[in-house]
């Protein structure tokens, strides 16, 4: 299997700042576990996003307690890079990214 690199859009730093630091290790480990080798393999918690997707993303990864974390990403199959475009928290039927609410 080809190994992908994980790249981050500049604004994801602000997205992480809005998430409690105690969750950062879980986020980092999950990205490595889920996205380094088969980022485009659909699973129960990894799905293609209906277009147009939030932040231009083509994929969504759900994880964490109650599946509350959302990572939106796209895959560059030429350069083998998974680009993380947004990291947010879903609370009930509301999505918060960088402290801002986004429509689902």
N, C-alpha and C. Protein backbone atom coordinates (compact mmCIF):
# COMPACT_ATOMS: atom_id res chain seq x y z
N UNK A 1 0.84 -1.20 0.00
CA UNK A 1 0.00 0.00 0.00
C UNK A 1 0.87 1.25 0.00
N UNK A 2 0.45 2.22 -0.77
CA UNK A 2 1.17 3.49 -0.78
C UNK A 2 0.84 4.26 0.49
N UNK A 3 1.83 4.91 1.02
CA UNK A 3 1.62 5.72 2.22
C UNK A 3 1.42 7.17 1.81
N UNK A 4 0.38 7.77 2.33
CA UNK A 4 0.08 9.17 2.06
C UNK A 4 0.72 10.06 3.12
N UNK A 5 1.00 11.29 2.75
CA UNK A 5 1.39 12.32 3.71
C UNK A 5 0.10 13.03 4.12
N UNK A 6 0.11 13.64 5.29
CA UNK A 6 -1.04 14.44 5.71
C UNK A 6 -0.61 15.89 5.73
N UNK A 7 -1.33 16.70 4.96
CA UNK A 7 -1.07 18.14 4.91
C UNK A 7 -2.26 18.89 5.50
N UNK A 8 -1.99 20.06 6.02
CA UNK A 8 -3.04 20.83 6.68
C UNK A 8 -3.21 22.18 6.01
N UNK A 9 -4.45 22.54 5.69
CA UNK A 9 -4.73 23.89 5.22
C UNK A 9 -4.39 24.85 6.36
N UNK A 10 -3.88 26.05 6.06
CA UNK A 10 -3.45 26.97 7.12
C UNK A 10 -4.53 27.25 8.17
N UNK A 11 -5.78 27.32 7.75
CA UNK A 11 -6.84 27.66 8.71
C UNK A 11 -7.14 26.55 9.71
N UNK A 12 -6.63 25.33 9.46
CA UNK A 12 -6.91 24.25 10.42
C UNK A 12 -6.23 24.50 11.76
N UNK A 13 -5.20 25.34 11.79
CA UNK A 13 -4.57 25.70 13.07
C UNK A 13 -5.61 26.39 13.96
N UNK A 14 -6.38 27.31 13.37
CA UNK A 14 -7.43 27.99 14.12
C UNK A 14 -8.54 27.02 14.52
N UNK A 15 -8.84 26.07 13.65
CA UNK A 15 -9.87 25.08 13.98
C UNK A 15 -9.46 24.29 15.22
N UNK A 16 -8.18 23.88 15.27
CA UNK A 16 -7.69 23.12 16.42
C UNK A 16 -7.67 23.97 17.68
N UNK A 17 -7.36 25.27 17.54
CA UNK A 17 -7.34 26.16 18.70
C UNK A 17 -8.70 26.21 19.39
N UNK A 18 -9.78 26.00 18.62
CA UNK A 18 -11.13 26.07 19.18
C UNK A 18 -11.54 24.75 19.84
N UNK A 19 -10.68 23.73 19.73
CA UNK A 19 -10.97 22.42 20.32
C UNK A 19 -10.07 22.24 21.54
N UNK A 20 -10.66 21.79 22.62
CA UNK A 20 -9.93 21.57 23.87
C UNK A 20 -8.65 20.77 23.61
N UNK A 21 -7.53 21.26 24.17
CA UNK A 21 -6.23 20.61 23.93
C UNK A 21 -6.22 19.13 24.28
N UNK A 22 -7.02 18.73 25.26
CA UNK A 22 -7.00 17.32 25.69
C UNK A 22 -7.41 16.38 24.56
N UNK A 23 -8.05 16.91 23.50
CA UNK A 23 -8.48 16.08 22.38
C UNK A 23 -7.48 16.06 21.23
N UNK A 24 -6.44 16.88 21.29
CA UNK A 24 -5.53 17.00 20.15
C UNK A 24 -4.80 15.70 19.84
N UNK A 25 -4.39 14.97 20.87
CA UNK A 25 -3.69 13.70 20.62
C UNK A 25 -4.62 12.69 19.94
N UNK A 26 -5.87 12.61 20.39
CA UNK A 26 -6.85 11.73 19.76
C UNK A 26 -7.01 12.09 18.29
N UNK A 27 -7.11 13.38 18.01
CA UNK A 27 -7.28 13.82 16.62
C UNK A 27 -6.06 13.41 15.79
N UNK A 28 -4.87 13.69 16.30
CA UNK A 28 -3.64 13.36 15.57
C UNK A 28 -3.54 11.85 15.32
N UNK A 29 -3.79 11.05 16.36
CA UNK A 29 -3.68 9.59 16.22
C UNK A 29 -4.72 9.04 15.25
N UNK A 30 -5.92 9.60 15.30
CA UNK A 30 -6.98 9.12 14.40
C UNK A 30 -6.66 9.46 12.96
N UNK A 31 -6.15 10.66 12.71
CA UNK A 31 -5.78 11.02 11.34
C UNK A 31 -4.74 10.05 10.81
N UNK A 32 -3.74 9.74 11.63
CA UNK A 32 -2.70 8.79 11.21
C UNK A 32 -3.31 7.40 10.96
N UNK A 33 -4.13 6.92 11.89
CA UNK A 33 -4.72 5.58 11.76
C UNK A 33 -5.62 5.47 10.53
N UNK A 34 -6.41 6.50 10.28
CA UNK A 34 -7.46 6.41 9.28
C UNK A 34 -7.05 6.86 7.89
N UNK A 35 -6.07 7.76 7.79
CA UNK A 35 -5.86 8.42 6.51
C UNK A 35 -4.50 8.16 5.84
N UNK A 36 -3.56 7.51 6.52
CA UNK A 36 -2.24 7.34 5.92
C UNK A 36 -2.23 6.34 4.77
N UNK A 37 -3.10 5.33 4.78
CA UNK A 37 -3.00 4.28 3.77
C UNK A 37 -4.21 4.15 2.85
N UNK A 38 -5.40 4.30 3.35
CA UNK A 38 -6.58 4.11 2.49
C UNK A 38 -7.57 5.26 2.70
N UNK A 39 -7.16 6.49 2.41
CA UNK A 39 -8.04 7.64 2.72
C UNK A 39 -9.32 7.69 1.92
N UNK A 40 -9.37 6.95 0.79
CA UNK A 40 -10.57 6.98 -0.04
C UNK A 40 -11.36 5.67 0.03
N UNK A 41 -11.09 4.87 1.03
CA UNK A 41 -11.88 3.65 1.23
C UNK A 41 -13.02 4.00 2.16
N UNK A 42 -14.25 3.84 1.67
CA UNK A 42 -15.42 4.20 2.46
C UNK A 42 -15.59 3.20 3.60
N UNK A 43 -15.86 3.74 4.81
CA UNK A 43 -16.13 2.91 5.99
C UNK A 43 -17.35 3.50 6.69
N UNK A 44 -17.67 2.93 7.83
CA UNK A 44 -18.82 3.42 8.59
C UNK A 44 -18.62 4.88 8.99
N UNK A 45 -17.36 5.26 9.27
CA UNK A 45 -17.08 6.62 9.76
C UNK A 45 -16.30 7.47 8.76
N UNK A 46 -16.09 6.95 7.57
CA UNK A 46 -15.35 7.68 6.54
C UNK A 46 -16.17 7.63 5.26
N UNK A 47 -16.65 8.80 4.83
CA UNK A 47 -17.59 8.81 3.71
C UNK A 47 -17.29 9.94 2.73
N UNK A 48 -17.64 9.71 1.45
CA UNK A 48 -17.56 10.83 0.51
C UNK A 48 -18.60 11.88 0.89
N UNK A 49 -18.27 13.12 0.64
CA UNK A 49 -19.16 14.23 0.97
C UNK A 49 -19.99 14.58 -0.27
N UNK A 50 -21.28 14.84 -0.06
CA UNK A 50 -22.09 15.31 -1.18
C UNK A 50 -21.54 16.64 -1.65
N UNK A 51 -21.45 16.80 -2.95
CA UNK A 51 -20.87 18.03 -3.50
C UNK A 51 -21.93 19.09 -3.71
N UNK A 52 -21.60 20.38 -3.52
CA UNK A 52 -20.29 20.82 -3.04
C UNK A 52 -20.16 20.61 -1.54
N UNK A 53 -19.01 20.09 -1.12
CA UNK A 53 -18.79 19.81 0.29
C UNK A 53 -18.30 21.02 1.05
N UNK A 54 -18.43 20.99 2.37
CA UNK A 54 -17.93 22.11 3.18
C UNK A 54 -16.42 22.27 2.98
N UNK A 55 -15.98 23.49 2.81
CA UNK A 55 -14.55 23.82 2.66
C UNK A 55 -13.94 23.21 1.40
N UNK A 56 -14.77 22.80 0.46
CA UNK A 56 -14.26 22.19 -0.76
C UNK A 56 -13.84 20.74 -0.56
N UNK A 57 -14.22 20.15 0.57
CA UNK A 57 -13.81 18.78 0.90
C UNK A 57 -14.58 17.77 0.05
N UNK A 58 -13.92 16.65 -0.22
CA UNK A 58 -14.58 15.55 -0.91
C UNK A 58 -14.84 14.37 0.02
N UNK A 59 -14.22 14.38 1.22
CA UNK A 59 -14.38 13.29 2.18
C UNK A 59 -14.60 13.85 3.58
N UNK A 60 -15.26 13.03 4.42
CA UNK A 60 -15.50 13.38 5.81
C UNK A 60 -15.14 12.18 6.67
N UNK A 61 -14.44 12.44 7.77
CA UNK A 61 -14.10 11.42 8.75
C UNK A 61 -14.76 11.80 10.06
N UNK A 62 -15.46 10.83 10.67
CA UNK A 62 -16.14 11.06 11.95
C UNK A 62 -15.49 10.16 12.99
N UNK A 63 -15.26 10.71 14.19
CA UNK A 63 -14.63 9.90 15.24
C UNK A 63 -14.78 10.59 16.59
N UNK A 64 -14.24 9.92 17.60
CA UNK A 64 -14.24 10.47 18.95
C UNK A 64 -15.48 10.07 19.73
N UNK A 65 -15.57 10.56 20.97
CA UNK A 65 -16.72 10.22 21.81
C UNK A 65 -18.02 10.64 21.13
N UNK A 66 -18.92 9.70 20.92
CA UNK A 66 -20.18 10.01 20.26
C UNK A 66 -20.01 10.45 18.82
N UNK A 67 -18.86 10.12 18.23
CA UNK A 67 -18.56 10.53 16.85
C UNK A 67 -18.68 12.04 16.67
N UNK A 68 -18.29 12.79 17.70
CA UNK A 68 -18.53 14.24 17.64
C UNK A 68 -17.51 15.01 16.81
N UNK A 69 -16.34 14.43 16.56
CA UNK A 69 -15.34 15.15 15.75
C UNK A 69 -15.56 14.90 14.27
N UNK A 70 -15.35 15.95 13.49
CA UNK A 70 -15.48 15.87 12.03
C UNK A 70 -14.22 16.44 11.40
N UNK A 71 -13.65 15.67 10.48
CA UNK A 71 -12.52 16.15 9.71
C UNK A 71 -12.92 16.09 8.24
N UNK A 72 -12.81 17.22 7.57
CA UNK A 72 -13.13 17.30 6.15
C UNK A 72 -11.83 17.35 5.38
N UNK A 73 -11.73 16.52 4.34
CA UNK A 73 -10.45 16.43 3.63
C UNK A 73 -10.65 16.11 2.16
N UNK A 74 -9.54 16.26 1.40
CA UNK A 74 -9.51 15.83 0.01
C UNK A 74 -8.20 15.09 -0.20
N UNK A 75 -8.18 14.25 -1.22
CA UNK A 75 -7.03 13.39 -1.47
C UNK A 75 -6.39 13.76 -2.81
N UNK A 76 -5.08 13.96 -2.78
CA UNK A 76 -4.30 14.18 -4.01
C UNK A 76 -3.60 12.87 -4.32
N UNK A 77 -4.14 12.11 -5.28
CA UNK A 77 -3.60 10.79 -5.60
C UNK A 77 -2.32 10.85 -6.43
N UNK A 78 -1.98 12.01 -6.95
CA UNK A 78 -0.75 12.16 -7.71
C UNK A 78 0.42 12.37 -6.75
N UNK A 79 0.24 13.30 -5.81
CA UNK A 79 1.30 13.62 -4.84
C UNK A 79 1.22 12.76 -3.58
N UNK A 80 0.19 11.91 -3.47
CA UNK A 80 -0.03 11.11 -2.26
C UNK A 80 -0.09 11.97 -1.01
N UNK A 81 -0.98 12.96 -1.06
CA UNK A 81 -1.19 13.83 0.09
C UNK A 81 -2.68 13.86 0.41
N UNK A 82 -2.99 13.72 1.69
CA UNK A 82 -4.34 13.93 2.19
C UNK A 82 -4.35 15.33 2.78
N UNK A 83 -5.16 16.22 2.19
CA UNK A 83 -5.23 17.60 2.66
C UNK A 83 -6.38 17.76 3.64
N UNK A 84 -6.03 18.08 4.88
CA UNK A 84 -7.04 18.34 5.90
C UNK A 84 -7.50 19.79 5.71
N UNK A 85 -8.79 19.96 5.41
CA UNK A 85 -9.32 21.28 5.09
C UNK A 85 -10.07 21.91 6.25
N UNK A 86 -10.62 21.08 7.13
CA UNK A 86 -11.37 21.61 8.27
C UNK A 86 -11.47 20.54 9.35
N UNK A 87 -11.44 20.99 10.60
CA UNK A 87 -11.59 20.10 11.76
C UNK A 87 -12.64 20.75 12.65
N UNK A 88 -13.71 20.00 12.96
CA UNK A 88 -14.78 20.59 13.74
C UNK A 88 -15.38 19.63 14.74
N UNK A 89 -16.36 20.16 15.47
CA UNK A 89 -17.09 19.37 16.47
C UNK A 89 -18.56 19.46 16.13
N UNK A 90 -19.22 18.30 16.11
CA UNK A 90 -20.66 18.28 15.88
C UNK A 90 -21.35 18.13 17.22
N UNK A 91 -22.27 19.02 17.49
CA UNK A 91 -23.08 18.94 18.71
C UNK A 91 -24.52 18.88 18.28
N UNK A 92 -25.15 17.73 18.52
CA UNK A 92 -26.49 17.43 18.03
C UNK A 92 -26.54 17.65 16.53
N UNK A 93 -27.34 18.61 16.05
CA UNK A 93 -27.42 18.81 14.60
C UNK A 93 -26.68 20.07 14.17
N UNK A 94 -25.67 20.47 14.95
CA UNK A 94 -24.92 21.68 14.63
C UNK A 94 -23.43 21.35 14.52
N UNK A 95 -22.77 21.96 13.53
CA UNK A 95 -21.34 21.74 13.32
C UNK A 95 -20.60 23.05 13.62
N UNK A 96 -19.58 22.95 14.48
CA UNK A 96 -18.76 24.11 14.82
C UNK A 96 -17.34 23.88 14.34
N UNK A 97 -16.82 24.81 13.56
CA UNK A 97 -15.45 24.75 13.06
C UNK A 97 -14.79 26.08 13.41
N UNK A 98 -13.71 26.01 14.19
CA UNK A 98 -13.03 27.23 14.60
C UNK A 98 -13.93 28.14 15.40
N UNK A 99 -14.87 27.57 16.14
CA UNK A 99 -15.78 28.36 16.96
C UNK A 99 -16.96 28.94 16.20
N UNK A 100 -17.00 28.75 14.88
CA UNK A 100 -18.11 29.25 14.07
C UNK A 100 -19.04 28.10 13.73
N UNK A 101 -20.34 28.39 13.67
CA UNK A 101 -21.31 27.37 13.30
C UNK A 101 -21.46 27.31 11.79
N UNK A 102 -21.51 26.09 11.27
CA UNK A 102 -21.69 25.88 9.84
C UNK A 102 -22.93 25.04 9.60
N UNK A 103 -23.65 25.32 8.53
CA UNK A 103 -24.84 24.55 8.20
C UNK A 103 -24.43 23.15 7.75
N UNK A 104 -25.23 22.19 8.13
CA UNK A 104 -24.96 20.79 7.70
C UNK A 104 -25.83 20.43 6.52
